[in-house]
Protein backbone atom coordinates (compact mmCIF):
# COMPACT_ATOMS: atom_id res chain seq x y z
CA MET A 1 -35.42 -106.61 -64.24
CA ILE A 2 -36.93 -103.10 -64.40
CA GLU A 3 -36.91 -102.89 -60.56
CA ARG A 4 -33.26 -103.96 -60.43
CA THR A 5 -32.27 -101.39 -63.08
CA THR A 6 -34.08 -98.64 -61.18
CA ARG A 7 -32.41 -99.60 -57.94
CA TYR A 8 -28.91 -99.18 -59.39
CA GLU A 9 -29.72 -96.20 -61.58
CA ASN A 10 -27.08 -93.46 -61.32
CA TRP A 11 -25.30 -95.48 -58.66
CA GLN A 12 -21.87 -93.95 -59.42
CA ARG A 13 -22.99 -90.48 -58.32
CA ARG A 14 -24.65 -91.82 -55.18
CA ILE A 15 -21.70 -93.93 -54.10
CA GLY A 16 -19.39 -91.02 -54.87
CA LEU A 17 -21.33 -88.80 -52.49
CA LEU A 18 -21.44 -91.54 -49.85
CA LEU A 19 -17.71 -92.29 -49.96
CA SER A 20 -16.80 -88.60 -50.06
CA SER A 21 -19.01 -87.75 -47.08
CA GLN A 22 -17.62 -90.62 -45.03
CA THR A 23 -14.02 -89.78 -45.93
CA VAL A 24 -14.35 -86.11 -44.94
CA SER A 25 -16.05 -86.96 -41.66
CA MET A 26 -13.62 -89.81 -41.01
CA PHE A 27 -10.59 -87.57 -41.51
CA GLY A 28 -11.69 -85.09 -38.85
CA SER A 29 -12.52 -87.89 -36.42
CA MET A 30 -9.15 -89.54 -36.98
CA VAL A 31 -7.23 -86.31 -36.42
CA SER A 32 -9.11 -85.72 -33.19
CA GLY A 33 -8.76 -89.38 -32.15
CA PHE A 34 -5.00 -89.49 -32.70
CA ALA A 35 -4.56 -86.21 -30.82
CA VAL A 36 -6.59 -87.47 -27.85
CA VAL A 37 -4.79 -90.84 -27.54
CA TRP A 38 -1.35 -89.24 -27.93
CA TYR A 39 -2.26 -86.54 -25.42
CA ILE A 40 -3.11 -89.26 -22.90
CA THR A 41 0.00 -91.28 -23.78
CA LEU A 42 2.41 -88.36 -23.49
CA ARG A 43 0.77 -86.99 -20.35
CA THR A 44 0.78 -90.31 -18.48
CA GLY A 45 3.25 -92.69 -20.21
CA SER A 46 1.16 -95.46 -18.71
CA GLY A 47 0.01 -98.68 -20.31
CA LEU A 48 -2.91 -98.67 -17.85
CA TRP A 49 -4.20 -95.30 -19.06
CA VAL A 50 -3.83 -96.44 -22.66
CA THR A 51 -5.92 -99.45 -21.61
CA TYR A 52 -8.60 -97.14 -20.20
CA ALA A 53 -8.64 -95.11 -23.42
CA THR A 54 -8.88 -98.24 -25.56
CA LEU A 55 -11.74 -99.67 -23.52
CA ALA A 56 -13.62 -96.35 -23.75
CA ASN A 57 -13.01 -96.35 -27.50
CA THR A 58 -14.34 -99.87 -28.07
CA ILE A 59 -16.79 -101.17 -25.47
CA PRO A 60 -19.65 -98.70 -26.23
CA SER A 61 -19.46 -99.65 -29.91
CA VAL A 62 -19.78 -103.33 -29.05
CA ILE A 63 -22.76 -102.72 -26.77
CA ILE A 64 -24.68 -100.39 -29.14
CA SER A 65 -24.08 -102.75 -32.06
CA LEU A 66 -26.55 -105.17 -30.49
CA TRP A 67 -29.28 -102.70 -31.48
CA ALA A 68 -27.57 -100.93 -34.40
CA GLY A 69 -27.85 -103.87 -36.79
CA VAL A 70 -31.60 -104.17 -36.22
CA TRP A 71 -32.00 -100.40 -36.71
CA ALA A 72 -30.01 -100.59 -39.96
CA ASP A 73 -32.35 -103.29 -41.28
CA ARG A 74 -35.50 -101.57 -40.03
CA TYR A 75 -34.93 -97.84 -40.65
CA SER A 76 -33.27 -95.62 -43.24
CA ARG A 77 -29.57 -96.48 -43.28
CA LYS A 78 -28.76 -93.04 -44.67
CA TYR A 79 -30.48 -91.11 -41.87
CA LEU A 80 -29.16 -93.51 -39.24
CA ALA A 81 -25.58 -92.76 -40.33
CA MET A 82 -26.27 -89.00 -40.40
CA LEU A 83 -27.80 -89.11 -36.90
CA ALA A 84 -24.78 -90.96 -35.49
CA ASP A 85 -22.38 -88.46 -37.08
CA SER A 86 -24.40 -85.55 -35.66
CA GLY A 87 -24.32 -87.01 -32.16
CA ILE A 88 -20.54 -87.41 -32.24
CA ALA A 89 -20.14 -83.83 -33.47
CA LEU A 90 -22.30 -82.46 -30.63
CA VAL A 91 -20.29 -84.28 -27.94
CA THR A 92 -17.03 -83.11 -29.53
CA LEU A 93 -18.29 -79.51 -29.57
CA LEU A 94 -19.18 -79.78 -25.87
CA MET A 95 -15.68 -81.10 -25.14
CA ALA A 96 -14.12 -78.14 -26.99
CA ILE A 97 -16.17 -75.74 -24.85
CA LEU A 98 -15.11 -77.47 -21.61
CA PHE A 99 -11.43 -77.36 -22.63
CA ALA A 100 -11.78 -73.66 -23.47
CA MET A 101 -13.13 -73.14 -19.94
CA GLY A 102 -9.98 -74.80 -18.53
CA ILE A 103 -11.69 -78.08 -17.57
CA ARG A 104 -9.20 -80.65 -18.86
CA ASP A 105 -9.52 -83.76 -16.72
CA LEU A 106 -8.47 -86.96 -18.47
CA TRP A 107 -11.75 -88.67 -17.65
CA LEU A 108 -13.50 -86.16 -19.92
CA LEU A 109 -11.47 -87.48 -22.83
CA LEU A 110 -12.60 -90.99 -21.94
CA ILE A 111 -16.22 -89.80 -22.19
CA LEU A 112 -15.48 -88.32 -25.63
CA LEU A 113 -13.90 -91.57 -26.81
CA ALA A 114 -16.89 -93.53 -25.48
CA ALA A 115 -19.40 -91.26 -27.27
CA ARG A 116 -17.45 -91.54 -30.52
CA SER A 117 -17.33 -95.31 -30.12
CA ALA A 118 -21.11 -95.52 -29.67
CA GLY A 119 -21.67 -93.36 -32.74
CA ASN A 120 -19.34 -95.50 -34.84
CA GLY A 121 -21.15 -98.62 -33.64
CA ILE A 122 -24.36 -97.24 -35.16
CA GLN A 123 -22.79 -95.76 -38.26
CA SER A 124 -20.57 -98.62 -39.42
CA PRO A 125 -23.18 -101.36 -40.08
CA ALA A 126 -25.50 -98.79 -41.64
CA VAL A 127 -22.85 -97.53 -44.09
CA ASN A 128 -21.55 -101.00 -45.02
CA ALA A 129 -25.09 -102.19 -45.71
CA LEU A 130 -25.84 -98.96 -47.60
CA VAL A 131 -22.94 -99.63 -49.95
CA ALA A 132 -24.52 -102.96 -50.87
CA ASP A 133 -27.87 -101.17 -51.42
CA ILE A 134 -26.32 -98.74 -53.90
CA VAL A 135 -23.64 -100.72 -55.75
CA PRO A 136 -24.26 -103.59 -58.22
CA GLY A 137 -22.68 -106.86 -57.05
CA SER A 138 -20.13 -106.96 -59.88
CA HIS A 139 -18.61 -103.69 -58.66
CA LEU A 140 -18.57 -104.35 -54.90
CA SER A 141 -14.92 -105.42 -54.65
CA ARG A 142 -13.68 -102.35 -56.48
CA VAL A 143 -15.90 -99.93 -54.52
CA ASN A 144 -14.88 -101.49 -51.19
CA GLY A 145 -11.26 -101.23 -52.31
CA ILE A 146 -11.69 -97.54 -53.13
CA TYR A 147 -13.40 -96.94 -49.78
CA ASN A 148 -10.56 -98.62 -47.91
CA THR A 149 -8.01 -96.64 -49.95
CA LEU A 150 -9.74 -93.39 -48.96
CA SER A 151 -9.74 -94.58 -45.37
CA SER A 152 -6.02 -95.36 -45.60
CA PHE A 153 -5.34 -91.95 -47.11
CA SER A 154 -7.14 -90.35 -44.16
CA GLN A 155 -5.03 -92.48 -41.84
CA LEU A 156 -1.94 -91.25 -43.67
CA MET A 157 -2.79 -87.57 -43.30
CA ALA A 158 -4.51 -87.65 -39.90
CA PRO A 159 -1.48 -88.62 -37.75
CA ALA A 160 0.61 -85.87 -39.34
CA MET A 161 -2.16 -83.34 -38.74
CA GLY A 162 -2.72 -84.65 -35.20
CA GLY A 163 1.01 -84.40 -34.44
CA VAL A 164 1.19 -80.83 -35.76
CA ILE A 165 -1.86 -79.81 -33.73
CA LEU A 166 -0.57 -81.42 -30.54
CA ALA A 167 2.92 -79.92 -30.98
CA ASN A 168 1.81 -76.38 -31.89
CA PHE A 169 -1.74 -75.86 -30.63
CA ASP A 170 -3.92 -77.83 -28.25
CA LEU A 171 -6.82 -80.27 -28.36
CA ARG A 172 -9.41 -77.51 -28.91
CA PHE A 173 -8.15 -77.06 -32.46
CA ALA A 174 -8.51 -80.79 -33.13
CA PHE A 175 -12.02 -80.78 -31.67
CA GLY A 176 -12.99 -77.82 -33.88
CA LEU A 177 -11.69 -79.57 -37.00
CA ASP A 178 -13.71 -82.67 -36.10
CA VAL A 179 -16.94 -80.66 -35.80
CA VAL A 180 -16.40 -78.82 -39.10
CA THR A 181 -15.65 -82.01 -41.08
CA ALA A 182 -18.71 -83.69 -39.53
CA ILE A 183 -20.95 -80.84 -40.73
CA ILE A 184 -19.48 -81.08 -44.24
CA GLY A 185 -19.90 -84.87 -44.30
CA ILE A 186 -23.51 -84.75 -43.08
CA SER A 187 -24.37 -82.07 -45.67
CA MET A 188 -22.92 -84.18 -48.49
CA MET A 189 -24.76 -87.28 -47.36
CA SER A 190 -28.07 -85.42 -47.27
CA LEU A 191 -27.78 -85.01 -51.07
CA ILE A 192 -27.92 -88.79 -51.68
CA LYS A 193 -31.26 -89.88 -53.16
CA LEU A 194 -32.18 -93.47 -52.37
CA GLN A 195 -35.00 -95.72 -53.44
CA GLN A 196 -37.11 -96.81 -50.48
CA ARG A 197 -36.32 -100.36 -49.43
CA GLU A 198 -39.07 -102.94 -49.55
CA GLN A 199 -40.10 -104.36 -46.18
CA GLN A 200 -39.30 -108.08 -46.32
CA ARG A 201 -41.20 -108.82 -43.13
CA GLN A 202 -43.27 -107.21 -40.43
CA PRO A 203 -40.94 -105.65 -37.82
CA ALA A 204 -40.74 -107.78 -34.69
CA GLY A 205 -39.30 -106.93 -31.31
CA ILE A 206 -35.69 -105.79 -31.17
CA PHE A 207 -34.50 -108.92 -29.37
CA THR A 208 -36.51 -111.17 -31.70
CA GLU A 209 -34.79 -109.59 -34.70
CA MET A 210 -31.40 -109.89 -33.00
CA ALA A 211 -32.07 -113.57 -32.44
CA ALA A 212 -33.07 -113.99 -36.09
CA GLY A 213 -29.77 -112.45 -37.14
CA LEU A 214 -27.78 -114.79 -34.91
CA LYS A 215 -29.75 -117.79 -36.19
CA TYR A 216 -29.00 -116.68 -39.75
CA ILE A 217 -25.26 -116.67 -38.98
CA LYS A 218 -25.41 -120.06 -37.27
CA MET A 219 -26.99 -121.56 -40.39
CA ARG A 220 -24.18 -120.23 -42.63
CA PRO A 221 -20.82 -121.83 -41.72
CA LEU A 222 -18.89 -119.52 -44.05
CA ILE A 223 -19.98 -116.38 -42.20
CA LEU A 224 -19.70 -118.05 -38.77
CA GLY A 225 -16.20 -119.36 -39.54
CA LEU A 226 -15.10 -115.93 -40.71
CA MET A 227 -16.31 -114.31 -37.49
CA ILE A 228 -14.64 -116.89 -35.24
CA ALA A 229 -11.33 -116.51 -37.09
CA TYR A 230 -11.55 -112.72 -36.82
CA PHE A 231 -12.28 -112.96 -33.13
CA ALA A 232 -9.01 -114.83 -32.58
CA PHE A 233 -7.03 -112.73 -35.08
CA PHE A 234 -7.97 -109.34 -33.70
CA ILE A 235 -7.50 -110.34 -30.06
CA LEU A 236 -3.95 -111.29 -30.95
CA LEU A 237 -3.56 -108.10 -33.01
CA ALA A 238 -4.62 -105.92 -30.07
CA PRO A 239 -1.11 -105.51 -28.60
CA ALA A 240 0.27 -104.27 -31.93
CA SER A 241 -2.56 -101.78 -32.43
CA VAL A 242 -2.98 -100.61 -28.83
CA LEU A 243 0.49 -100.79 -27.33
CA SER A 244 2.43 -99.42 -30.30
CA PRO A 245 2.41 -95.79 -29.00
CA VAL A 246 3.65 -96.98 -25.60
CA PHE A 247 6.34 -99.16 -27.24
CA VAL A 248 7.54 -96.28 -29.43
CA GLU A 249 7.67 -93.90 -26.46
CA ARG A 250 9.65 -96.39 -24.35
CA ALA A 251 11.94 -97.77 -27.05
CA TYR A 252 12.81 -94.66 -29.06
CA GLY A 253 12.14 -91.67 -26.84
CA HIS A 254 9.53 -89.22 -25.60
CA ASN A 255 8.82 -87.49 -28.92
CA VAL A 256 5.41 -86.86 -30.47
CA MET A 257 6.97 -86.90 -33.95
CA PHE A 258 8.09 -90.51 -33.47
CA LEU A 259 4.44 -91.41 -32.81
CA THR A 260 3.45 -89.48 -35.91
CA TRP A 261 6.08 -91.16 -38.13
CA SER A 262 5.03 -94.66 -37.02
CA GLU A 263 1.39 -93.99 -37.86
CA VAL A 264 2.27 -92.29 -41.15
CA ALA A 265 4.44 -95.26 -42.17
CA TRP A 266 1.55 -97.70 -41.65
CA SER A 267 -0.88 -95.41 -43.45
CA LEU A 268 1.48 -94.79 -46.38
CA GLY A 269 1.77 -98.52 -46.89
CA SER A 270 -2.02 -98.82 -46.59
CA VAL A 271 -2.61 -96.14 -49.24
CA ILE A 272 -0.33 -97.93 -51.72
CA GLY A 273 -1.84 -101.29 -50.87
CA GLY A 274 -5.36 -99.88 -51.10
CA VAL A 275 -4.69 -98.47 -54.57
CA LEU A 276 -3.41 -101.86 -55.72
CA VAL A 277 -6.51 -103.58 -54.32
CA ALA A 278 -8.87 -101.01 -55.86
CA MET A 279 -7.28 -101.59 -59.27
CA LYS A 280 -8.64 -105.13 -59.20
CA LYS A 281 -12.27 -105.26 -60.25
CA VAL A 282 -12.84 -108.56 -58.46
CA ILE A 283 -10.98 -110.43 -55.71
CA LYS A 284 -11.67 -114.01 -56.78
CA ASP A 285 -10.00 -115.75 -53.82
CA LYS A 286 -11.27 -113.72 -50.87
CA ILE A 287 -10.76 -116.51 -48.34
CA GLY A 288 -7.16 -117.00 -49.49
CA ALA A 289 -6.61 -113.22 -49.34
CA ILE A 290 -7.88 -113.04 -45.75
CA ALA A 291 -5.63 -115.93 -44.66
CA LEU A 292 -2.64 -114.29 -46.39
CA VAL A 293 -3.15 -111.04 -44.49
CA MET A 294 -3.40 -112.91 -41.18
CA VAL A 295 -0.10 -114.73 -41.78
CA VAL A 296 1.78 -111.64 -43.01
CA CYS A 297 0.49 -109.54 -40.11
CA GLY A 298 1.67 -112.26 -37.73
CA VAL A 299 5.15 -112.06 -39.21
CA VAL A 300 5.26 -108.25 -39.31
CA PHE A 301 4.08 -107.67 -35.77
CA GLY A 302 6.10 -110.58 -34.46
CA VAL A 303 9.39 -108.97 -35.52
CA ILE A 304 8.54 -105.28 -35.16
CA GLY A 305 9.46 -105.16 -31.48
CA PHE A 306 13.06 -106.00 -32.41
CA ALA A 307 13.51 -103.02 -34.76
CA PRO A 308 16.79 -101.34 -33.67
CA THR A 309 15.75 -97.79 -34.60
CA ILE A 310 12.58 -95.79 -35.22
CA TRP A 311 13.40 -95.86 -38.94
CA TRP A 312 13.45 -99.65 -39.11
CA TYR A 313 10.26 -99.69 -37.07
CA CYS A 314 8.60 -97.42 -39.64
CA VAL A 315 9.78 -99.59 -42.54
CA ILE A 316 8.24 -102.71 -40.97
CA MET A 317 5.03 -100.82 -40.21
CA ALA A 318 4.82 -99.72 -43.85
CA LEU A 319 5.13 -103.34 -45.00
CA GLY A 320 2.26 -104.33 -42.71
CA GLY A 321 0.18 -101.45 -43.99
CA LEU A 322 0.84 -102.50 -47.58
CA ILE A 323 -0.89 -105.87 -47.19
CA PHE A 324 -3.64 -104.92 -44.73
CA PRO A 325 -6.15 -103.19 -47.12
CA LEU A 326 -6.75 -106.57 -48.70
CA LEU A 327 -8.44 -107.70 -45.46
CA PRO A 328 -11.37 -105.24 -45.10
CA THR A 329 -11.99 -105.25 -48.85
CA ALA A 330 -12.16 -109.07 -48.98
CA ASP A 331 -14.24 -109.60 -45.83
CA THR A 332 -16.74 -106.81 -46.53
CA THR A 333 -17.31 -108.03 -50.09
CA LEU A 334 -17.59 -111.64 -48.89
CA ILE A 335 -20.41 -110.68 -46.52
CA GLN A 336 -22.14 -108.42 -49.06
CA GLU A 337 -22.12 -111.20 -51.67
CA ASN A 338 -23.36 -113.93 -49.34
CA VAL A 339 -25.99 -112.19 -47.19
CA GLU A 340 -29.53 -111.13 -48.17
CA HIS A 341 -30.10 -107.37 -48.10
CA HIS A 342 -32.73 -107.43 -45.36
CA TYR A 343 -30.24 -109.19 -43.04
CA MET A 344 -27.23 -107.11 -44.05
CA GLY A 345 -27.36 -104.56 -41.20
CA ARG A 346 -27.61 -107.24 -38.51
CA ILE A 347 -24.80 -109.34 -39.98
CA PHE A 348 -22.47 -106.36 -40.21
CA SER A 349 -23.50 -105.44 -36.68
CA VAL A 350 -22.68 -108.89 -35.29
CA PHE A 351 -19.45 -108.85 -37.30
CA GLY A 352 -18.65 -105.49 -35.72
CA ILE A 353 -19.35 -106.92 -32.27
CA PHE A 354 -17.02 -109.86 -32.88
CA VAL A 355 -14.23 -107.57 -34.08
CA GLY A 356 -14.97 -104.73 -31.66
CA ALA A 357 -15.01 -107.00 -28.60
CA THR A 358 -11.52 -108.24 -29.41
CA THR A 359 -9.83 -104.92 -28.69
CA PRO A 360 -11.06 -104.55 -25.08
CA ILE A 361 -10.47 -108.27 -24.46
CA GLY A 362 -6.99 -108.11 -25.98
CA THR A 363 -6.26 -104.88 -24.16
CA LEU A 364 -7.35 -106.30 -20.81
CA LEU A 365 -5.15 -109.34 -21.46
CA PHE A 366 -2.06 -107.55 -22.71
CA GLY A 367 -2.36 -103.87 -21.61
CA PRO A 368 -1.48 -104.32 -17.92
CA LEU A 369 1.13 -106.91 -18.96
CA ALA A 370 2.97 -104.13 -20.79
CA ASP A 371 3.84 -102.55 -17.44
CA VAL A 372 5.59 -105.71 -16.19
CA LEU A 373 6.93 -107.36 -19.37
CA ASP A 374 8.95 -106.00 -22.30
CA ILE A 375 6.41 -105.25 -25.05
CA LYS A 376 8.56 -106.83 -27.77
CA TRP A 377 8.00 -110.29 -26.28
CA ILE A 378 4.23 -109.67 -26.26
CA PHE A 379 4.48 -108.71 -29.96
CA LEU A 380 6.49 -111.84 -30.77
CA GLY A 381 4.18 -114.29 -28.99
CA THR A 382 0.94 -112.87 -30.46
CA GLY A 383 2.54 -112.67 -33.92
CA ILE A 384 3.38 -116.38 -33.93
CA LEU A 385 -0.15 -117.25 -32.80
CA ASN A 386 -1.65 -115.14 -35.61
CA ILE A 387 0.38 -117.06 -38.20
CA ILE A 388 -1.23 -120.23 -36.84
CA VAL A 389 -4.72 -118.63 -36.98
CA GLY A 390 -4.19 -117.79 -40.66
CA PHE A 391 -3.28 -121.35 -41.62
CA VAL A 392 -6.13 -122.83 -39.56
CA PHE A 393 -8.65 -120.47 -41.21
CA LEU A 394 -7.37 -121.39 -44.69
CA THR A 395 -7.66 -125.11 -43.92
CA THR A 396 -11.12 -125.05 -42.35
CA MET A 397 -12.58 -122.83 -45.08
CA ALA A 398 -11.08 -124.91 -47.94
CA LYS A 399 -14.48 -126.16 -49.14
CA TYR A 400 -15.96 -122.65 -49.41
CA ARG A 401 -12.77 -121.38 -51.03
CA GLN A 402 -13.08 -124.01 -53.76
CA GLN A 403 -16.76 -123.12 -54.29
CA GLU A 404 -15.88 -119.46 -54.65
CA LEU A 405 -13.06 -120.10 -57.12
CA LYS A 406 -15.28 -122.45 -59.14
CA ARG A 407 -17.99 -119.79 -59.36
CA TYR A 408 -15.57 -117.22 -60.80
CA HIS A 409 -14.15 -119.66 -63.32
CA GLN A 410 -17.53 -120.68 -64.71
């Protein structure tokens, strides 16, 4: 009992520093990321180039996650996250220097996206596991909700800032902002004092520990079922997330502000939804919440391609954003509550691989198709399939849902 009290001592200050550092760093990265993708979209107007950018932004994260989860369980999660953030900042600084020298080939931007993806693949499982190290279990839902609200707020502000930068300056300004916010975030994170984690086992080889993580998942049907459902859901969500800029440019006109408004609409809905989620101390029916988001997203992105004007498009995007924060809050808390701490990094890593692999797979499936088929029909077909995925997930996880609800009612 004394050890447990010491572990969570002064946890509010530590989680405050962690969330603040990640939010500041995330904001700069999002601004730079939006500016880069929109720069490529407006310069090429090609679904194929958007596919290249998406693959560069996702595949490295999937690959590095194979090792990142083991590192997060073996080494300091705090310093691992700081190291990843530092690496991204250095590559971004190099890109700013090259652009200042007049070297502006599009393939350089793909390298930047790939480096950022690799860094995020290391940082994400470390930070998610670190939250569970710091926060008592009874507060996890609320803290995850606050974290997702802060993320949504960054997503709200970042597209507007990225649009302003792209319209009035150039990418060097966005790169500079990214570097500065990374330095601030790393400095804040260095102030967090953590109790050293106990070693639960003697470190084995990397691949042996990877295999142990996969075996752990296989033995827990709840976690395995969640990952399989997410794999299907996010593949089908890929067209809506990846092809939206191309759809807006084709359907409503070649205007960077239209791209900005569509992203702001989603993020505004996400901020409101995130606040509502964060106000709940506990999400009792996390499985039901996940299924609800899958169904609603299927409806939203199934009809969004038929929006007659950019304004209607933004309204529908805002409705999707309103419900979406429930998803990462519910799934992150579900994993944190059902996985032992010394496996947490690997499980979040595998989870990240499942989700991260869906974007390149979905992009390869649907990206080139966008150059030969009206995107609204792609949106409609994948939306209907996601509604089905939501109902199937709810049905197959019924036993675990009942167990969860019974636990909260005891």
